[in-house]
Amino acid sequence: MASTARTLAHLRRSSAAATSSRGSYAYFLISKPFTSAAASAASSDSDQTLSSSSGSKGKGSRWLLFLPGAITFGLGTWQIFRRQDKIKLLEYREKRLEMEPLQFRSYPSTQELDTLEFRKVVCKGVFDEKKSIFVGPRSRSISGVTENGYYVITPLMPVENHPDSVTFPIIVNRGWVPRSWKDKFVEATLDEKFPNAVPSPSQDDGTTSWRRFWSKKPIVAEDHTPSVTPKEVVGIVRGSEKPSIFVPANDPESSQWFYVDVPAIARACGLPENTIYIEDANENVNPSNPYPIPKDVNTLIRSSVMPQDHLNYTLTWYSLSAAVTFMAFKRLRPRKKQR
């Protein structure tokens, strides 16, 4: 009986253990599908987020492909406006140069000075050679040969008691001279071979002092002023040059001038900073003495970049814009799958 009771108790424990193990296994089977479903749902959400972010980035990069075409198109349009402005500028200069020359005798007012640029003027005076300034080097093509030289700028001084002379000094760009001419001019200046701009009245009668002392004739004091013929200059009123970043700065102390700075040149000549500056445009050049060579008037109605050049630039930029835009469309067009 005791053995039978132990056997029954063992069977009960075995059946209870089996029941608990079957329950846990059933719970595992039931919970496993829910866990896998949650994991798959989370992975799908992350995939959708990545795909949306990559899609937005792809759209942005696509628009960047059209940026070069837009920039080149804008540059082409800008050249059209530049061409119109250049045409108006050259027409304005041409009309000003065709006007009758002004007679420069009295100093113009401040309002007149602002409207005098590119106007022809006629003035008479005498050059003060000792105060000449050379601006350069400037190249010039002569008979197909390029030669370096300088612009010679000299003050035109008034002549006293002359009705046709100017009453105020003027800075005149007399034209281009070769380097050899400049060197000879500087040597002559150092040797003081140039007379004064306006000769001073003479205080003697042409005889030596000892001869006047022993002469029995009475001395008649005469204030004799040598006659000075004013030089006529036909020029064009201009302003200071605008140098590029590659042009060195002027050095007035060492007499090195690389571009025309009217106030600085006036100070170097001992003149007021508001002195008028003109460029000699007289076409009547003496063949026996051709230097300085005056500037050609036609150079004032020409530019380094003419309207035709702006038109060529416009066509170039528009062609480049069309090319890069076509390449962008071709890059974004879906490719056909090869079978």
C-alpha atoms as a PDB file:
ATOM      1  CA  MET A   1       0.000   0.000   0.000  1.00  0.00           C
ATOM      2  CA  ALA A   2       2.823   2.378   0.824  1.00  0.00           C
ATOM      3  CA  SER A   3       4.575   1.680  -2.490  1.00  0.00           C
ATOM      4  CA  THR A   4       1.330   2.185  -4.326  1.00  0.00           C
ATOM      5  CA  ALA A   5       0.868   5.600  -2.678  1.00  0.00           C
ATOM      6  CA  ARG A   6       4.382   6.691  -3.598  1.00  0.00           C
ATOM      7  CA  THR A   7       3.804   5.673  -7.189  1.00  0.00           C
ATOM      8  CA  LEU A   8       0.574   7.701  -7.407  1.00  0.00           C
ATOM      9  CA  ALA A   9       2.297  10.796  -5.931  1.00  0.00           C
ATOM     10  CA  HIS A  10       5.127  10.505  -8.465  1.00  0.00           C
ATOM     11  CA  LEU A  11       2.661  10.258 -11.319  1.00  0.00           C
ATOM     12  CA  ARG A  12       0.821  13.380 -10.100  1.00  0.00           C
ATOM     13  CA  ARG A  13       4.060  15.419  -9.967  1.00  0.00           C
ATOM     14  CA  SER A  14       5.068  14.261 -13.452  1.00  0.00           C
ATOM     15  CA  SER A  15       1.716  15.241 -14.922  1.00  0.00           C
ATOM     16  CA  ALA A  16       1.896  18.706 -13.265  1.00  0.00           C
ATOM     17  CA  ALA A  17       5.376  19.326 -14.653  1.00  0.00           C
ATOM     18  CA  ALA A  18       4.276  18.274 -18.117  1.00  0.00           C
ATOM     19  CA  THR A  19       1.267  20.611 -17.953  1.00  0.00           C
ATOM     20  CA  SER A  20       3.425  23.606 -16.939  1.00  0.00           C
ATOM     21  CA  SER A  21       5.943  22.901 -19.679  1.00  0.00           C
ATOM     22  CA  ARG A  22       3.189  22.665 -22.291  1.00  0.00           C
ATOM     23  CA  GLY A  23       1.768  26.010 -21.092  1.00  0.00           C
ATOM     24  CA  SER A  24       5.077  27.844 -21.353  1.00  0.00           C
ATOM     25  CA  TYR A  25       5.713  26.382 -24.784  1.00  0.00           C
ATOM     26  CA  ALA A  26       2.262  27.442 -25.930  1.00  0.00           C
ATOM     27  CA  TYR A  27       2.890  30.972 -24.581  1.00  0.00           C
ATOM     28  CA  PHE A  28       6.163  31.111 -26.515  1.00  0.00           C
ATOM     29  CA  LEU A  29       4.402  30.032 -29.688  1.00  0.00           C
ATOM     30  CA  ILE A  30       1.690  32.609 -29.183  1.00  0.00           C
ATOM     31  CA  SER A  31       4.008  35.552 -28.310  1.00  0.00           C
ATOM     32  CA  LYS A  32       6.553  34.857 -31.095  1.00  0.00           C
ATOM     33  CA  PRO A  33       4.320  36.045 -33.977  1.00  0.00           C
ATOM     34  CA  PHE A  34       3.533  39.307 -32.169  1.00  0.00           C
ATOM     35  CA  THR A  35       7.261  40.037 -31.584  1.00  0.00           C
ATOM     36  CA  SER A  36       8.214  39.375 -35.201  1.00  0.00           C
ATOM     37  CA  ALA A  37       5.312  41.538 -36.408  1.00  0.00           C
ATOM     38  CA  ALA A  38       6.423  44.479 -34.248  1.00  0.00           C
ATOM     39  CA  ALA A  39      10.002  44.142 -35.467  1.00  0.00           C
ATOM     40  CA  SER A  40       8.900  44.035 -39.084  1.00  0.00           C
ATOM     41  CA  ALA A  41       6.668  47.108 -38.545  1.00  0.00           C
ATOM     42  CA  ALA A  42       9.553  49.072 -36.996  1.00  0.00           C
ATOM     43  CA  SER A  43      11.894  48.140 -39.842  1.00  0.00           C
ATOM     44  CA  SER A  44       9.312  49.197 -42.411  1.00  0.00           C
ATOM     45  CA  ASP A  45       8.882  52.605 -40.699  1.00  0.00           C
ATOM     46  CA  SER A  46      12.632  53.205 -40.705  1.00  0.00           C
ATOM     47  CA  ASP A  47      12.825  52.241 -44.389  1.00  0.00           C
ATOM     48  CA  GLN A  48      10.081  54.726 -45.231  1.00  0.00           C
ATOM     49  CA  THR A  49      11.894  57.494 -43.296  1.00  0.00           C
ATOM     50  CA  LEU A  50      15.174  56.800 -45.112  1.00  0.00           C
ATOM     51  CA  SER A  51      13.471  56.656 -48.481  1.00  0.00           C
ATOM     52  CA  SER A  52      11.700  60.002 -47.878  1.00  0.00           C
ATOM     53  CA  SER A  53      14.925  61.738 -46.751  1.00  0.00           C
ATOM     54  CA  SER A  54      16.872  60.315 -49.685  1.00  0.00           C
ATOM     55  CA  GLY A  55      14.089  61.389 -52.022  1.00  0.00           C
ATOM     56  CA  SER A  56      14.192  65.016 -50.754  1.00  0.00           C
ATOM     57  CA  LYS A  57      17.976  65.073 -51.103  1.00  0.00           C
ATOM     58  CA  GLY A  58      17.674  63.682 -54.620  1.00  0.00           C
ATOM     59  CA  LYS A  59      15.227  66.437 -55.619  1.00  0.00           C
ATOM     60  CA  GLY A  60      17.569  69.121 -54.242  1.00  0.00           C
ATOM     61  CA  SER A  61      20.570  67.724 -56.097  1.00  0.00           C
ATOM     62  CA  ARG A  62      18.508  67.610 -59.273  1.00  0.00           C
ATOM     63  CA  TRP A  63      17.771  71.309 -59.049  1.00  0.00           C
ATOM     64  CA  LEU A  64      21.479  72.025 -58.570  1.00  0.00           C
ATOM     65  CA  LEU A  65      22.135  70.623 -62.038  1.00  0.00           C
ATOM     66  CA  PHE A  66      20.251  73.600 -63.519  1.00  0.00           C
ATOM     67  CA  LEU A  67      22.239  76.200 -61.533  1.00  0.00           C
ATOM     68  CA  PRO A  68      25.099  76.604 -64.082  1.00  0.00           C
ATOM     69  CA  GLY A  69      22.576  77.155 -66.862  1.00  0.00           C
ATOM     70  CA  ALA A  70      20.787  79.845 -64.852  1.00  0.00           C
ATOM     71  CA  ILE A  71      24.055  81.627 -64.024  1.00  0.00           C
ATOM     72  CA  THR A  72      25.297  81.674 -67.631  1.00  0.00           C
ATOM     73  CA  PHE A  73      21.879  82.863 -68.821  1.00  0.00           C
ATOM     74  CA  GLY A  74      22.066  85.747 -66.357  1.00  0.00           C
ATOM     75  CA  LEU A  75      25.554  86.684 -67.580  1.00  0.00           C
ATOM     76  CA  GLY A  76      24.297  86.744 -71.167  1.00  0.00           C
ATOM     77  CA  THR A  77      21.430  89.053 -70.208  1.00  0.00           C
ATOM     78  CA  TRP A  78      23.856  91.294 -68.305  1.00  0.00           C
ATOM     79  CA  GLN A  79      25.951  91.685 -71.472  1.00  0.00           C
ATOM     80  CA  ILE A  80      22.859  92.931 -73.331  1.00  0.00           C
ATOM     81  CA  PHE A  81      22.469  95.786 -70.823  1.00  0.00           C
ATOM     82  CA  ARG A  82      26.197  96.478 -70.985  1.00  0.00           C
ATOM     83  CA  ARG A  83      25.975  96.766 -74.760  1.00  0.00           C
ATOM     84  CA  GLN A  84      23.126  99.292 -74.563  1.00  0.00           C
ATOM     85  CA  ASP A  85      25.053 101.397 -72.036  1.00  0.00           C
ATOM     86  CA  LYS A  86      28.179 101.329 -74.202  1.00  0.00           C
ATOM     87  CA  ILE A  87      26.240 102.453 -77.287  1.00  0.00           C
ATOM     88  CA  LYS A  88      24.758 105.403 -75.367  1.00  0.00           C
ATOM     89  CA  LEU A  89      28.183 106.352 -73.981  1.00  0.00           C
ATOM     90  CA  LEU A  90      29.907 106.364 -77.376  1.00  0.00           C
ATOM     91  CA  GLU A  91      27.045 108.299 -78.980  1.00  0.00           C
ATOM     92  CA  TYR A  92      27.245 110.872 -76.182  1.00  0.00           C
ATOM     93  CA  ARG A  93      30.984 111.331 -76.744  1.00  0.00           C
ATOM     94  CA  GLU A  94      30.590 111.590 -80.504  1.00  0.00           C
ATOM     95  CA  LYS A  95      27.936 114.306 -80.202  1.00  0.00           C
ATOM     96  CA  ARG A  96      30.103 116.275 -77.767  1.00  0.00           C
ATOM     97  CA  LEU A  97      33.124 116.110 -80.058  1.00  0.00           C
ATOM     98  CA  GLU A  98      31.081 117.379 -83.019  1.00  0.00           C
ATOM     99  CA  MET A  99      30.172 120.611 -81.194  1.00  0.00           C
ATOM    100  CA  GLU A 100      31.920 123.877 -81.986  1.00  0.00           C
ATOM    101  CA  PRO A 101      35.096 124.416 -79.942  1.00  0.00           C
ATOM    102  CA  LEU A 102      34.833 126.707 -76.944  1.00  0.00           C
ATOM    103  CA  GLN A 103      37.110 129.718 -76.605  1.00  0.00           C
ATOM    104  CA  PHE A 104      38.920 129.329 -73.313  1.00  0.00           C
ATOM    105  CA  ARG A 105      39.811 132.778 -72.027  1.00  0.00           C
ATOM    106  CA  SER A 106      38.151 133.163 -68.646  1.00  0.00           C
ATOM    107  CA  TYR A 107      37.929 130.450 -66.021  1.00  0.00           C
ATOM    108  CA  PRO A 108      34.579 128.617 -66.220  1.00  0.00           C
ATOM    109  CA  SER A 109      32.244 128.348 -63.287  1.00  0.00           C
ATOM    110  CA  THR A 110      31.826 125.207 -61.202  1.00  0.00           C
ATOM    111  CA  GLN A 111      28.606 124.258 -62.997  1.00  0.00           C
ATOM    112  CA  GLU A 112      30.274 124.659 -66.380  1.00  0.00           C
ATOM    113  CA  LEU A 113      33.216 122.500 -65.325  1.00  0.00           C
ATOM    114  CA  ASP A 114      30.898 119.553 -64.684  1.00  0.00           C
ATOM    115  CA  THR A 115      29.604 119.720 -68.279  1.00  0.00           C
ATOM    116  CA  LEU A 116      32.861 120.361 -70.122  1.00  0.00           C
ATOM    117  CA  GLU A 117      34.246 116.837 -70.398  1.00  0.00           C
ATOM    118  CA  PHE A 118      34.686 115.691 -74.015  1.00  0.00           C
ATOM    119  CA  ARG A 119      34.182 119.253 -75.271  1.00  0.00           C
ATOM    120  CA  LYS A 120      36.681 120.766 -77.693  1.00  0.00           C
ATOM    121  CA  VAL A 121      38.305 123.982 -76.511  1.00  0.00           C
ATOM    122  CA  VAL A 122      40.694 126.496 -78.083  1.00  0.00           C
ATOM    123  CA  CYS A 123      43.169 128.241 -75.813  1.00  0.00           C
ATOM    124  CA  LYS A 124      46.332 130.283 -76.317  1.00  0.00           C
ATOM    125  CA  GLY A 125      49.317 130.581 -74.044  1.00  0.00           C
ATOM    126  CA  VAL A 126      52.944 129.616 -73.652  1.00  0.00           C
ATOM    127  CA  PHE A 127      54.240 126.246 -72.425  1.00  0.00           C
ATOM    128  CA  ASP A 128      56.321 126.126 -69.269  1.00  0.00           C
ATOM    129  CA  GLU A 129      58.720 123.437 -70.464  1.00  0.00           C
ATOM    130  CA  LYS A 130      60.589 123.191 -67.164  1.00  0.00           C
ATOM    131  CA  LYS A 131      57.503 121.835 -65.419  1.00  0.00           C
ATOM    132  CA  SER A 132      56.810 119.065 -67.934  1.00  0.00           C
ATOM    133  CA  ILE A 133      55.817 115.656 -66.584  1.00  0.00           C
ATOM    134  CA  PHE A 134      56.107 112.320 -68.382  1.00  0.00           C
ATOM    135  CA  VAL A 135      53.434 109.658 -67.838  1.00  0.00           C
ATOM    136  CA  GLY A 136      54.190 106.121 -68.908  1.00  0.00           C
ATOM    137  CA  PRO A 137      55.469 103.954 -70.336  1.00  0.00           C
ATOM    138  CA  ARG A 138      52.830 103.917 -73.073  1.00  0.00           C
ATOM    139  CA  SER A 139      53.241 101.845 -76.211  1.00  0.00           C
ATOM    140  CA  ARG A 140      52.417 103.076 -79.705  1.00  0.00           C
ATOM    141  CA  SER A 141      52.426 101.245 -83.022  1.00  0.00           C
ATOM    142  CA  ILE A 142      54.332 103.126 -85.731  1.00  0.00           C
ATOM    143  CA  SER A 143      54.446 101.528 -89.199  1.00  0.00           C
ATOM    144  CA  GLY A 144      53.662  98.147 -87.676  1.00  0.00           C
ATOM    145  CA  VAL A 145      56.444  98.458 -85.078  1.00  0.00           C
ATOM    146  CA  THR A 146      55.495  98.850 -81.417  1.00  0.00           C
ATOM    147  CA  GLU A 147      57.605 101.366 -79.540  1.00  0.00           C
ATOM    148  CA  ASN A 148      57.478 102.392 -75.902  1.00  0.00           C
ATOM    149  CA  GLY A 149      57.181 106.036 -75.002  1.00  0.00           C
ATOM    150  CA  TYR A 150      55.501 108.550 -72.727  1.00  0.00           C
ATOM    151  CA  TYR A 151      52.809 111.189 -72.642  1.00  0.00           C
ATOM    152  CA  VAL A 152      54.321 114.611 -72.036  1.00  0.00           C
ATOM    153  CA  ILE A 153      52.139 116.904 -69.905  1.00  0.00           C
ATOM    154  CA  THR A 154      53.063 120.589 -69.693  1.00  0.00           C
ATOM    155  CA  PRO A 155      51.336 123.590 -68.086  1.00  0.00           C
ATOM    156  CA  LEU A 156      50.064 126.212 -70.534  1.00  0.00           C
ATOM    157  CA  MET A 157      50.659 129.577 -68.885  1.00  0.00           C
ATOM    158  CA  PRO A 158      48.949 132.880 -69.691  1.00  0.00           C
ATOM    159  CA  VAL A 159      50.760 135.680 -71.510  1.00  0.00           C
ATOM    160  CA  GLU A 160      50.502 139.086 -69.897  1.00  0.00           C
ATOM    161  CA  ASN A 161      48.957 141.947 -71.854  1.00  0.00           C
ATOM    162  CA  HIS A 162      47.830 139.672 -74.662  1.00  0.00           C
ATOM    163  CA  PRO A 163      44.127 139.830 -75.536  1.00  0.00           C
ATOM    164  CA  ASP A 164      43.860 136.293 -76.929  1.00  0.00           C
ATOM    165  CA  SER A 165      45.750 134.558 -74.142  1.00  0.00           C
ATOM    166  CA  VAL A 166      44.125 132.569 -71.391  1.00  0.00           C
ATOM    167  CA  THR A 167      43.973 134.227 -68.006  1.00  0.00           C
ATOM    168  CA  PHE A 168      44.590 131.061 -65.998  1.00  0.00           C
ATOM    169  CA  PRO A 169      46.987 128.086 -66.324  1.00  0.00           C
ATOM    170  CA  ILE A 170      45.864 124.870 -68.021  1.00  0.00           C
ATOM    171  CA  ILE A 171      47.446 121.403 -67.898  1.00  0.00           C
ATOM    172  CA  VAL A 172      47.904 120.093 -71.440  1.00  0.00           C
ATOM    173  CA  ASN A 173      48.641 116.521 -72.480  1.00  0.00           C
ATOM    174  CA  ARG A 174      50.660 117.380 -75.582  1.00  0.00           C
ATOM    175  CA  GLY A 175      50.816 113.805 -76.851  1.00  0.00           C
ATOM    176  CA  TRP A 176      53.167 110.855 -77.188  1.00  0.00           C
ATOM    177  CA  VAL A 177      56.944 110.989 -77.421  1.00  0.00           C
ATOM    178  CA  PRO A 178      59.474 108.139 -77.739  1.00  0.00           C
ATOM    179  CA  ARG A 179      61.851 107.253 -74.941  1.00  0.00           C
ATOM    180  CA  SER A 180      64.835 108.800 -76.756  1.00  0.00           C
ATOM    181  CA  TRP A 181      62.995 112.134 -77.048  1.00  0.00           C
ATOM    182  CA  LYS A 182      62.237 112.076 -73.344  1.00  0.00           C
ATOM    183  CA  ASP A 183      65.868 111.384 -72.423  1.00  0.00           C
ATOM    184  CA  LYS A 184      67.104 114.316 -74.533  1.00  0.00           C
ATOM    185  CA  PHE A 185      64.426 116.548 -73.039  1.00  0.00           C
ATOM    186  CA  VAL A 186      65.451 115.649 -69.477  1.00  0.00           C
ATOM    187  CA  GLU A 187      69.116 116.321 -70.288  1.00  0.00           C
ATOM    188  CA  ALA A 188      68.233 119.717 -71.722  1.00  0.00           C
ATOM    189  CA  THR A 189      66.182 120.515 -68.634  1.00  0.00           C
ATOM    190  CA  LEU A 190      69.081 119.616 -66.336  1.00  0.00           C
ATOM    191  CA  ASP A 191      71.410 121.818 -68.397  1.00  0.00           C
ATOM    192  CA  GLU A 192      68.865 124.672 -68.059  1.00  0.00           C
ATOM    193  CA  LYS A 193      68.671 125.226 -71.787  1.00  0.00           C
ATOM    194  CA  PHE A 194      64.986 126.098 -71.655  1.00  0.00           C
ATOM    195  CA  PRO A 195      64.072 129.759 -71.192  1.00  0.00           C
ATOM    196  CA  ASN A 196      61.426 130.940 -68.801  1.00  0.00           C
ATOM    197  CA  ALA A 197      57.818 130.479 -69.849  1.00  0.00           C
ATOM    198  CA  VAL A 198      57.194 134.231 -70.021  1.00  0.00           C
ATOM    199  CA  PRO A 199      60.292 136.418 -70.408  1.00  0.00           C
ATOM    200  CA  SER A 200      60.605 139.132 -67.796  1.00  0.00           C
ATOM    201  CA  PRO A 201      60.913 142.783 -68.807  1.00  0.00           C
ATOM    202  CA  SER A 202      64.456 143.797 -69.720  1.00  0.00           C
ATOM    203  CA  GLN A 203      66.113 146.477 -67.688  1.00  0.00           C
ATOM    204  CA  ASP A 204      68.978 147.343 -70.025  1.00  0.00           C
ATOM    205  CA  ASP A 205      69.211 148.875 -73.455  1.00  0.00           C
ATOM    206  CA  GLY A 206      71.361 146.197 -75.017  1.00  0.00           C
ATOM    207  CA  THR A 207      74.775 147.770 -74.204  1.00  0.00           C
ATOM    208  CA  THR A 208      77.267 146.774 -71.573  1.00  0.00           C
ATOM    209  CA  SER A 209      77.568 148.699 -68.337  1.00  0.00           C
ATOM    210  CA  TRP A 210      81.036 150.157 -69.049  1.00  0.00           C
ATOM    211  CA  ARG A 211      79.948 151.419 -72.449  1.00  0.00           C
ATOM    212  CA  ARG A 212      76.949 153.155 -70.948  1.00  0.00           C
ATOM    213  CA  PHE A 213      79.229 154.713 -68.345  1.00  0.00           C
ATOM    214  CA  TRP A 214      81.618 156.293 -70.894  1.00  0.00           C
ATOM    215  CA  SER A 215      78.968 157.161 -73.425  1.00  0.00           C
ATOM    216  CA  LYS A 216      78.136 160.856 -73.777  1.00  0.00           C
ATOM    217  CA  LYS A 217      74.623 160.146 -74.998  1.00  0.00           C
ATOM    218  CA  PRO A 218      71.950 160.467 -72.380  1.00  0.00           C
ATOM    219  CA  ILE A 219      70.554 157.188 -71.153  1.00  0.00           C
ATOM    220  CA  VAL A 220      66.906 156.796 -71.889  1.00  0.00           C
ATOM    221  CA  ALA A 221      65.262 154.258 -69.608  1.00  0.00           C
ATOM    222  CA  GLU A 222      62.966 152.067 -71.645  1.00  0.00           C
ATOM    223  CA  ASP A 223      60.825 149.257 -70.353  1.00  0.00           C
ATOM    224  CA  HIS A 224      61.095 146.907 -73.277  1.00  0.00           C
ATOM    225  CA  THR A 225      59.233 143.601 -73.077  1.00  0.00           C
ATOM    226  CA  PRO A 226      60.210 141.007 -75.678  1.00  0.00           C
ATOM    227  CA  SER A 227      57.287 139.943 -77.818  1.00  0.00           C
ATOM    228  CA  VAL A 228      55.949 136.484 -77.073  1.00  0.00           C
ATOM    229  CA  THR A 229      53.695 134.740 -79.544  1.00  0.00           C
ATOM    230  CA  PRO A 230      51.138 132.567 -77.753  1.00  0.00           C
ATOM    231  CA  LYS A 231      50.765 129.030 -78.975  1.00  0.00           C
ATOM    232  CA  GLU A 232      47.262 127.923 -79.932  1.00  0.00           C
ATOM    233  CA  VAL A 233      46.140 124.598 -78.512  1.00  0.00           C
ATOM    234  CA  VAL A 234      43.031 122.778 -79.677  1.00  0.00           C
ATOM    235  CA  GLY A 235      42.233 120.189 -77.059  1.00  0.00           C
ATOM    236  CA  ILE A 236      39.540 118.138 -75.399  1.00  0.00           C
ATOM    237  CA  VAL A 237      38.641 118.491 -71.739  1.00  0.00           C
ATOM    238  CA  ARG A 238      39.264 115.270 -69.866  1.00  0.00           C
ATOM    239  CA  GLY A 239      39.521 113.990 -66.306  1.00  0.00           C
ATOM    240  CA  SER A 240      41.834 111.724 -64.349  1.00  0.00           C
ATOM    241  CA  GLU A 241      42.445 108.166 -65.485  1.00  0.00           C
ATOM    242  CA  LYS A 242      41.140 105.194 -63.518  1.00  0.00           C
ATOM    243  CA  PRO A 243      44.072 102.783 -63.206  1.00  0.00           C
ATOM    244  CA  SER A 244      43.614  99.049 -62.916  1.00  0.00           C
ATOM    245  CA  ILE A 245      44.878  97.018 -59.979  1.00  0.00           C
ATOM    246  CA  PHE A 246      47.997  96.098 -61.984  1.00  0.00           C
ATOM    247  CA  VAL A 247      49.150  99.722 -62.462  1.00  0.00           C
ATOM    248  CA  PRO A 248      51.653 100.892 -59.824  1.00  0.00           C
ATOM    249  CA  ALA A 249      50.975 103.971 -57.744  1.00  0.00           C
ATOM    250  CA  ASN A 250      52.420 107.303 -58.823  1.00  0.00           C
ATOM    251  CA  ASP A 251      55.531 108.533 -57.047  1.00  0.00           C
ATOM    252  CA  PRO A 252      55.715 112.320 -57.478  1.00  0.00           C
ATOM    253  CA  GLU A 253      58.866 112.623 -55.344  1.00  0.00           C
ATOM    254  CA  SER A 254      60.871 110.521 -57.826  1.00  0.00           C
ATOM    255  CA  SER A 255      58.965 111.901 -60.861  1.00  0.00           C
ATOM    256  CA  GLN A 256      57.475 108.528 -61.733  1.00  0.00           C
ATOM    257  CA  TRP A 257      53.975 108.830 -63.160  1.00  0.00           C
ATOM    258  CA  PHE A 258      52.167 105.737 -64.370  1.00  0.00           C
ATOM    259  CA  TYR A 259      48.690 107.203 -64.926  1.00  0.00           C
ATOM    260  CA  VAL A 260      47.102 110.642 -65.197  1.00  0.00           C
ATOM    261  CA  ASP A 261      46.063 112.003 -61.798  1.00  0.00           C
ATOM    262  CA  VAL A 262      45.069 115.612 -62.482  1.00  0.00           C
ATOM    263  CA  PRO A 263      45.075 116.950 -58.861  1.00  0.00           C
ATOM    264  CA  ALA A 264      48.449 115.313 -58.123  1.00  0.00           C
ATOM    265  CA  ILE A 265      49.999 116.586 -61.370  1.00  0.00           C
ATOM    266  CA  ALA A 266      48.680 120.069 -60.658  1.00  0.00           C
ATOM    267  CA  ARG A 267      50.299 120.025 -57.207  1.00  0.00           C
ATOM    268  CA  ALA A 268      53.588 118.843 -58.705  1.00  0.00           C
ATOM    269  CA  CYS A 269      53.472 121.788 -61.143  1.00  0.00           C
ATOM    270  CA  GLY A 270      52.683 124.260 -58.385  1.00  0.00           C
ATOM    271  CA  LEU A 271      49.130 124.824 -59.610  1.00  0.00           C
ATOM    272  CA  PRO A 272      45.739 124.540 -57.880  1.00  0.00           C
ATOM    273  CA  GLU A 273      44.186 121.081 -57.724  1.00  0.00           C
ATOM    274  CA  ASN A 274      41.141 122.210 -59.707  1.00  0.00           C
ATOM    275  CA  THR A 275      43.268 123.148 -62.719  1.00  0.00           C
ATOM    276  CA  ILE A 276      41.623 122.165 -66.015  1.00  0.00           C
ATOM    277  CA  TYR A 277      43.222 119.272 -67.894  1.00  0.00           C
ATOM    278  CA  ILE A 278      42.941 118.944 -71.675  1.00  0.00           C
ATOM    279  CA  GLU A 279      44.382 116.569 -74.269  1.00  0.00           C
ATOM    280  CA  ASP A 280      45.880 118.139 -77.365  1.00  0.00           C
ATOM    281  CA  ALA A 281      43.945 117.026 -80.451  1.00  0.00           C
ATOM    282  CA  ASN A 282      45.447 119.342 -83.046  1.00  0.00           C
ATOM    283  CA  GLU A 283      45.791 117.434 -86.312  1.00  0.00           C
ATOM    284  CA  ASN A 284      48.154 119.976 -87.921  1.00  0.00           C
ATOM    285  CA  VAL A 285      51.450 118.338 -86.999  1.00  0.00           C
ATOM    286  CA  ASN A 286      54.713 119.788 -88.297  1.00  0.00           C
ATOM    287  CA  PRO A 287      56.450 117.017 -90.292  1.00  0.00           C
ATOM    288  CA  SER A 288      59.892 118.408 -89.465  1.00  0.00           C
ATOM    289  CA  ASN A 289      59.121 118.265 -85.730  1.00  0.00           C
ATOM    290  CA  PRO A 290      56.473 115.543 -85.271  1.00  0.00           C
ATOM    291  CA  TYR A 291      56.894 115.079 -81.518  1.00  0.00           C
ATOM    292  CA  PRO A 292      54.878 115.178 -79.383  1.00  0.00           C
ATOM    293  CA  ILE A 293      52.236 113.337 -81.422  1.00  0.00           C
ATOM    294  CA  PRO A 294      48.759 114.530 -80.356  1.00  0.00           C
ATOM    295  CA  LYS A 295      46.075 112.006 -79.514  1.00  0.00           C
ATOM    296  CA  ASP A 296      43.749 110.836 -82.248  1.00  0.00           C
ATOM    297  CA  VAL A 297      40.209 112.096 -81.639  1.00  0.00           C
ATOM    298  CA  ASN A 298      38.797 108.816 -82.946  1.00  0.00           C
ATOM    299  CA  THR A 299      40.266 106.979 -79.974  1.00  0.00           C
ATOM    300  CA  LEU A 300      37.755 108.782 -77.745  1.00  0.00           C
ATOM    301  CA  ILE A 301      34.809 107.223 -79.569  1.00  0.00           C
ATOM    302  CA  ARG A 302      36.359 103.782 -79.353  1.00  0.00           C
ATOM    303  CA  SER A 303      36.601 101.513 -76.373  1.00  0.00           C
ATOM    304  CA  SER A 304      38.592  98.459 -75.423  1.00  0.00           C
ATOM    305  CA  VAL A 305      35.274  96.577 -75.414  1.00  0.00           C
ATOM    306  CA  MET A 306      33.034  97.740 -78.249  1.00  0.00           C
ATOM    307  CA  PRO A 307      29.267  97.014 -78.559  1.00  0.00           C
ATOM    308  CA  GLN A 308      29.999  94.224 -81.042  1.00  0.00           C
ATOM    309  CA  ASP A 309      32.202  92.557 -78.439  1.00  0.00           C
ATOM    310  CA  HIS A 310      29.351  92.665 -75.919  1.00  0.00           C
ATOM    311  CA  LEU A 311      27.099  91.018 -78.511  1.00  0.00           C
ATOM    312  CA  ASN A 312      29.664  88.251 -79.005  1.00  0.00           C
ATOM    313  CA  TYR A 313      29.850  87.739 -75.256  1.00  0.00           C
ATOM    314  CA  THR A 314      26.042  87.516 -75.112  1.00  0.00           C
ATOM    315  CA  LEU A 315      25.936  84.782 -77.756  1.00  0.00           C
ATOM    316  CA  THR A 316      28.727  82.902 -75.989  1.00  0.00           C
ATOM    317  CA  TRP A 317      26.987  82.939 -72.600  1.00  0.00           C
ATOM    318  CA  TYR A 318      23.607  81.975 -74.061  1.00  0.00           C
ATOM    319  CA  SER A 319      25.168  79.084 -75.998  1.00  0.00           C
ATOM    320  CA  LEU A 320      26.885  77.843 -72.871  1.00  0.00           C
ATOM    321  CA  SER A 321      23.624  78.137 -70.919  1.00  0.00           C
ATOM    322  CA  ALA A 322      21.754  76.080 -73.526  1.00  0.00           C
ATOM    323  CA  ALA A 323      24.498  73.421 -73.534  1.00  0.00           C
ATOM    324  CA  VAL A 324      24.646  72.894 -69.766  1.00  0.00           C
ATOM    325  CA  THR A 325      20.825  72.944 -69.460  1.00  0.00           C
ATOM    326  CA  PHE A 326      20.532  70.265 -72.142  1.00  0.00           C
ATOM    327  CA  MET A 327      23.105  68.164 -70.292  1.00  0.00           C
ATOM    328  CA  ALA A 328      21.089  68.533 -67.072  1.00  0.00           C
ATOM    329  CA  PHE A 329      17.868  67.347 -68.783  1.00  0.00           C
ATOM    330  CA  LYS A 330      19.717  64.446 -70.342  1.00  0.00           C
ATOM    331  CA  ARG A 331      21.150  63.463 -66.971  1.00  0.00           C
ATOM    332  CA  LEU A 332      17.722  63.471 -65.285  1.00  0.00           C
ATOM    333  CA  ARG A 333      15.875  61.690 -68.066  1.00  0.00           C
ATOM    334  CA  PRO A 334      15.027  58.059 -67.041  1.00  0.00           C
ATOM    335  CA  ARG A 335      17.160  55.507 -68.788  1.00  0.00           C
ATOM    336  CA  LYS A 336      15.565  52.750 -70.833  1.00  0.00           C
ATOM    337  CA  LYS A 337      16.240  49.274 -69.546  1.00  0.00           C
ATOM    338  CA  GLN A 338      18.102  47.096 -71.984  1.00  0.00           C
ATOM    339  CA  ARG A 339      16.489  43.735 -72.644  1.00  0.00           C
END
